[in-house]
C-alpha atoms as a PDB file:
ATOM      1  CA  MET A   1       0.000   0.000   0.000  1.00  0.00           C
ATOM      2  CA  ASP A   2       1.258   3.437  -0.796  1.00  0.00           C
ATOM      3  CA  GLN A   3       0.846   6.880   0.717  1.00  0.00           C
ATOM      4  CA  ASN A   4      -1.964   7.651  -1.752  1.00  0.00           C
ATOM      5  CA  PHE A   5      -4.110   4.993  -0.091  1.00  0.00           C
ATOM      6  CA  ILE A   6      -3.693   6.370   3.449  1.00  0.00           C
ATOM      7  CA  ASN A   7      -4.355   9.875   2.088  1.00  0.00           C
ATOM      8  CA  LEU A   8      -7.891   8.757   1.149  1.00  0.00           C
ATOM      9  CA  PHE A   9      -8.791   8.580   4.841  1.00  0.00           C
ATOM     10  CA  ASP A  10      -9.843  11.739   6.648  1.00  0.00           C
ATOM     11  CA  GLU A  11     -10.799  11.695  10.313  1.00  0.00           C
ATOM     12  CA  ARG A  12     -13.677  14.092   9.572  1.00  0.00           C
ATOM     13  CA  MET A  13     -15.278  11.229   7.612  1.00  0.00           C
ATOM     14  CA  MET A  14     -15.161   8.701  10.436  1.00  0.00           C
ATOM     15  CA  ARG A  15     -17.885   7.903  12.947  1.00  0.00           C
ATOM     16  CA  VAL A  16     -18.070   5.677  16.016  1.00  0.00           C
ATOM     17  CA  GLY A  17     -21.428   4.655  17.461  1.00  0.00           C
ATOM     18  CA  ALA A  18     -23.267   5.516  14.257  1.00  0.00           C
ATOM     19  CA  HIS A  19     -26.886   4.449  13.964  1.00  0.00           C
ATOM     20  CA  ALA A  20     -28.942   3.401  10.941  1.00  0.00           C
ATOM     21  CA  ALA A  21     -32.027   1.217  10.719  1.00  0.00           C
ATOM     22  CA  SER A  22     -31.420   0.177   7.103  1.00  0.00           C
ATOM     23  CA  THR A  23     -28.893  -0.029   4.286  1.00  0.00           C
ATOM     24  CA  GLU A  24     -30.380   3.128   2.808  1.00  0.00           C
ATOM     25  CA  GLU A  25     -30.048   5.050   6.087  1.00  0.00           C
ATOM     26  CA  ALA A  26     -26.443   3.911   6.527  1.00  0.00           C
ATOM     27  CA  ILE A  27     -25.477   4.999   3.001  1.00  0.00           C
ATOM     28  CA  LYS A  28     -27.321   8.298   3.403  1.00  0.00           C
ATOM     29  CA  LEU A  29     -25.519   8.940   6.709  1.00  0.00           C
ATOM     30  CA  LEU A  30     -22.080   8.278   5.218  1.00  0.00           C
ATOM     31  CA  GLY A  31     -22.916  10.267   2.087  1.00  0.00           C
ATOM     32  CA  GLY A  32     -23.909  13.213   4.264  1.00  0.00           C
ATOM     33  CA  ILE A  33     -20.656  12.987   6.206  1.00  0.00           C
ATOM     34  CA  MET A  34     -18.687  12.935   2.946  1.00  0.00           C
ATOM     35  CA  ALA A  35     -20.663  15.863   1.513  1.00  0.00           C
ATOM     36  CA  GLU A  36     -20.182  17.872   4.706  1.00  0.00           C
ATOM     37  CA  ALA A  37     -16.416  17.318   4.436  1.00  0.00           C
ATOM     38  CA  GLY A  38     -16.472  18.502   0.796  1.00  0.00           C
ATOM     39  CA  PHE A  39     -15.636  15.177  -0.848  1.00  0.00           C
ATOM     40  CA  VAL A  40     -18.905  14.554  -2.719  1.00  0.00           C
ATOM     41  CA  GLU A  41     -22.046  16.329  -3.864  1.00  0.00           C
ATOM     42  CA  GLU A  42     -24.976  16.031  -1.454  1.00  0.00           C
ATOM     43  CA  VAL A  43     -26.823  13.586  -3.724  1.00  0.00           C
ATOM     44  CA  TYR A  44     -23.858  11.190  -4.086  1.00  0.00           C
ATOM     45  CA  TRP A  45     -25.437   8.843  -1.558  1.00  0.00           C
ATOM     46  CA  GLU A  46     -28.390   8.317  -3.914  1.00  0.00           C
ATOM     47  CA  ASP A  47     -26.044   6.993  -6.625  1.00  0.00           C
ATOM     48  CA  VAL A  48     -24.376   4.716  -4.076  1.00  0.00           C
ATOM     49  CA  TYR A  49     -27.693   3.372  -2.828  1.00  0.00           C
ATOM     50  CA  LYS A  50     -28.964   2.773  -6.370  1.00  0.00           C
ATOM     51  CA  ARG A  51     -25.769   0.868  -7.238  1.00  0.00           C
ATOM     52  CA  GLU A  52     -26.020  -1.150  -4.009  1.00  0.00           C
ATOM     53  CA  GLN A  53     -29.415  -2.477  -5.153  1.00  0.00           C
ATOM     54  CA  THR A  54     -27.848  -4.098  -8.222  1.00  0.00           C
ATOM     55  CA  PHE A  55     -24.289  -4.708  -7.024  1.00  0.00           C
ATOM     56  CA  PRO A  56     -24.303  -5.475  -3.290  1.00  0.00           C
ATOM     57  CA  THR A  57     -21.102  -4.806  -1.348  1.00  0.00           C
ATOM     58  CA  GLY A  58     -21.414  -6.801   1.891  1.00  0.00           C
ATOM     59  CA  LEU A  59     -18.423  -9.005   2.667  1.00  0.00           C
ATOM     60  CA  PRO A  60     -18.482 -11.852   5.201  1.00  0.00           C
ATOM     61  CA  THR A  61     -15.073 -10.931   6.638  1.00  0.00           C
ATOM     62  CA  LEU A  62     -13.999 -12.137  10.063  1.00  0.00           C
ATOM     63  CA  PRO A  63     -14.249 -11.326  12.895  1.00  0.00           C
ATOM     64  CA  VAL A  64     -16.965  -8.923  11.659  1.00  0.00           C
ATOM     65  CA  ALA A  65     -18.596  -8.399   8.282  1.00  0.00           C
ATOM     66  CA  ILE A  66     -18.030  -5.159   6.385  1.00  0.00           C
ATOM     67  CA  ALA A  67     -19.559  -3.380   3.394  1.00  0.00           C
ATOM     68  CA  ILE A  68     -17.801  -1.234   0.798  1.00  0.00           C
ATOM     69  CA  PRO A  69     -20.551   0.775  -0.921  1.00  0.00           C
ATOM     70  CA  HIS A  70     -19.508   3.110  -3.737  1.00  0.00           C
ATOM     71  CA  ALA A  71     -20.691   4.638  -7.016  1.00  0.00           C
ATOM     72  CA  ASP A  72     -19.378   6.132 -10.240  1.00  0.00           C
ATOM     73  CA  PRO A  73     -17.293   9.312  -9.961  1.00  0.00           C
ATOM     74  CA  ASP A  74     -19.887  11.680 -11.476  1.00  0.00           C
ATOM     75  CA  ARG A  75     -20.687  13.384  -8.155  1.00  0.00           C
ATOM     76  CA  VAL A  76     -17.272  13.000  -6.491  1.00  0.00           C
ATOM     77  CA  ILE A  77     -15.421  16.242  -5.795  1.00  0.00           C
ATOM     78  CA  LYS A  78     -12.357  14.707  -4.129  1.00  0.00           C
ATOM     79  CA  SER A  79     -11.439  11.053  -3.588  1.00  0.00           C
ATOM     80  CA  GLY A  80     -11.881   9.709  -0.073  1.00  0.00           C
ATOM     81  CA  ILE A  81     -13.050   6.858   2.131  1.00  0.00           C
ATOM     82  CA  ALA A  82     -15.572   7.305   4.926  1.00  0.00           C
ATOM     83  CA  VAL A  83     -15.585   4.804   7.801  1.00  0.00           C
ATOM     84  CA  ALA A  84     -18.435   4.174  10.223  1.00  0.00           C
ATOM     85  CA  VAL A  85     -18.696   1.770  13.127  1.00  0.00           C
ATOM     86  CA  PHE A  86     -22.376   1.235  13.919  1.00  0.00           C
ATOM     87  CA  ASP A  87     -23.864   0.717  17.371  1.00  0.00           C
ATOM     88  CA  GLN A  88     -26.052  -2.031  15.849  1.00  0.00           C
ATOM     89  CA  PRO A  89     -25.157  -3.912  12.649  1.00  0.00           C
ATOM     90  CA  VAL A  90     -26.845  -2.852   9.412  1.00  0.00           C
ATOM     91  CA  LYS A  91     -28.106  -5.415   6.887  1.00  0.00           C
ATOM     92  CA  PHE A  92     -26.231  -5.512   3.565  1.00  0.00           C
ATOM     93  CA  ARG A  93     -26.598  -8.065   0.791  1.00  0.00           C
ATOM     94  CA  ILE A  94     -23.540 -10.192   0.030  1.00  0.00           C
ATOM     95  CA  MET A  95     -21.222  -8.998  -2.752  1.00  0.00           C
ATOM     96  CA  GLY A  96     -21.375 -11.098  -5.912  1.00  0.00           C
ATOM     97  CA  SER A  97     -24.510 -12.920  -4.805  1.00  0.00           C
ATOM     98  CA  ASN A  98     -27.895 -12.891  -6.481  1.00  0.00           C
ATOM     99  CA  ASP A  99     -29.359 -14.259  -3.267  1.00  0.00           C
ATOM    100  CA  PRO A 100     -31.380 -12.010  -1.044  1.00  0.00           C
ATOM    101  CA  ASP A 101     -29.120 -13.235   1.795  1.00  0.00           C
ATOM    102  CA  GLU A 102     -28.029 -10.421   4.054  1.00  0.00           C
ATOM    103  CA  LEU A 103     -25.120  -9.922   6.389  1.00  0.00           C
ATOM    104  CA  GLU A 104     -25.148  -8.096   9.703  1.00  0.00           C
ATOM    105  CA  VAL A 105     -22.550  -5.386   8.989  1.00  0.00           C
ATOM    106  CA  PRO A 106     -21.184  -3.278  11.855  1.00  0.00           C
ATOM    107  CA  VAL A 107     -18.365  -1.568   9.891  1.00  0.00           C
ATOM    108  CA  ILE A 108     -18.799   0.271   6.591  1.00  0.00           C
ATOM    109  CA  PHE A 109     -16.119   1.757   4.352  1.00  0.00           C
ATOM    110  CA  MET A 110     -17.814   4.026   1.783  1.00  0.00           C
ATOM    111  CA  LEU A 111     -15.686   4.930  -1.223  1.00  0.00           C
ATOM    112  CA  ALA A 112     -15.791   8.093  -3.295  1.00  0.00           C
ATOM    113  CA  LEU A 113     -13.227   7.923  -6.075  1.00  0.00           C
ATOM    114  CA  LYS A 114     -12.743  10.753  -8.554  1.00  0.00           C
ATOM    115  CA  ASP A 115     -10.805   8.561 -10.993  1.00  0.00           C
ATOM    116  CA  PHE A 116     -12.705   5.390 -11.923  1.00  0.00           C
ATOM    117  CA  LYS A 117      -9.366   3.714 -12.752  1.00  0.00           C
ATOM    118  CA  GLN A 118      -8.432   3.997  -9.043  1.00  0.00           C
ATOM    119  CA  GLN A 119     -11.260   1.724  -7.955  1.00  0.00           C
ATOM    120  CA  THR A 120      -9.586  -1.671  -8.400  1.00  0.00           C
ATOM    121  CA  ALA A 121      -6.360  -0.626  -6.648  1.00  0.00           C
ATOM    122  CA  VAL A 122      -8.194   1.065  -3.775  1.00  0.00           C
ATOM    123  CA  ILE A 123     -10.505  -1.904  -3.188  1.00  0.00           C
ATOM    124  CA  ARG A 124      -7.503  -4.250  -3.351  1.00  0.00           C
ATOM    125  CA  ASP A 125      -5.619  -2.145  -0.768  1.00  0.00           C
ATOM    126  CA  LEU A 126      -8.697  -1.937   1.452  1.00  0.00           C
ATOM    127  CA  LEU A 127      -9.208  -5.715   1.293  1.00  0.00           C
ATOM    128  CA  THR A 128      -5.525  -6.234   2.113  1.00  0.00           C
ATOM    129  CA  LEU A 129      -5.923  -3.950   5.123  1.00  0.00           C
ATOM    130  CA  ILE A 130      -9.029  -5.650   6.470  1.00  0.00           C
ATOM    131  CA  GLN A 131      -7.719  -9.178   5.939  1.00  0.00           C
ATOM    132  CA  SER A 132      -5.936  -8.665   9.227  1.00  0.00           C
ATOM    133  CA  LYS A 133      -8.372  -9.862  11.889  1.00  0.00           C
ATOM    134  CA  THR A 134      -6.571  -7.620  14.380  1.00  0.00           C
ATOM    135  CA  ILE A 135      -7.069  -4.491  12.276  1.00  0.00           C
ATOM    136  CA  ILE A 136     -10.766  -5.042  11.579  1.00  0.00           C
ATOM    137  CA  SER A 137     -11.319  -6.021  15.217  1.00  0.00           C
ATOM    138  CA  ASP A 138      -9.505  -2.881  16.418  1.00  0.00           C
ATOM    139  CA  ILE A 139     -11.572  -0.693  14.072  1.00  0.00           C
ATOM    140  CA  HIS A 140     -14.767  -2.375  15.258  1.00  0.00           C
ATOM    141  CA  SER A 141     -13.916  -1.842  18.935  1.00  0.00           C
ATOM    142  CA  ALA A 142     -12.601   1.732  18.509  1.00  0.00           C
ATOM    143  CA  LYS A 143     -14.087   4.270  20.882  1.00  0.00           C
ATOM    144  CA  THR A 144     -12.986   7.372  18.931  1.00  0.00           C
ATOM    145  CA  THR A 145     -12.413   8.410  15.339  1.00  0.00           C
ATOM    146  CA  LYS A 146      -8.751   9.056  16.210  1.00  0.00           C
ATOM    147  CA  GLU A 147      -8.437   5.376  17.216  1.00  0.00           C
ATOM    148  CA  ILE A 148      -9.900   4.290  13.862  1.00  0.00           C
ATOM    149  CA  PHE A 149      -7.543   6.583  11.977  1.00  0.00           C
ATOM    150  CA  ASN A 150      -4.504   5.354  13.951  1.00  0.00           C
ATOM    151  CA  VAL A 151      -5.408   1.694  13.389  1.00  0.00           C
ATOM    152  CA  ILE A 152      -5.720   2.300   9.640  1.00  0.00           C
ATOM    153  CA  LYS A 153      -2.492   4.314   9.536  1.00  0.00           C
ATOM    154  CA  LYS A 154      -0.604   1.609  11.435  1.00  0.00           C
ATOM    155  CA  GLY A 155      -2.078  -1.109   9.205  1.00  0.00           C
ATOM    156  CA  THR A 156      -0.918   0.579   5.995  1.00  0.00           C
ATOM    157  CA  LYS A 157       2.745   0.686   6.970  1.00  0.00           C
END
């Protein structure tokens, strides 16, 4: 992983103890956080949610499942990754599955990438990061956004 990957994370786009009753609410929450930080247009979340309906992003990672919702770059102002740890898991459909099966997802990484060509490399780096059970566990149990940011920073070295 290179410095460009770590630069996608901004502590202003991290939340601990987030709450959402549905996939849509979770995506809307993260989209709002990203818009507030100036990374995306306010309606970006709608594109992400629409894409999620056709191309689900839930991953049955261990020790906790995650989701990586994202959309095309049309409404992205600046590339970034928002991270939210939810107080109660949110249901996301499993990536690559046509099944209606859903995962209980307590950690979401929402991508906003200005350059579509970045997507594969960023998702690869993110998957490499979260393959460490310690890292994903530490993110999940973080009590502050600074803790999340430090875990990610340490994991990218």
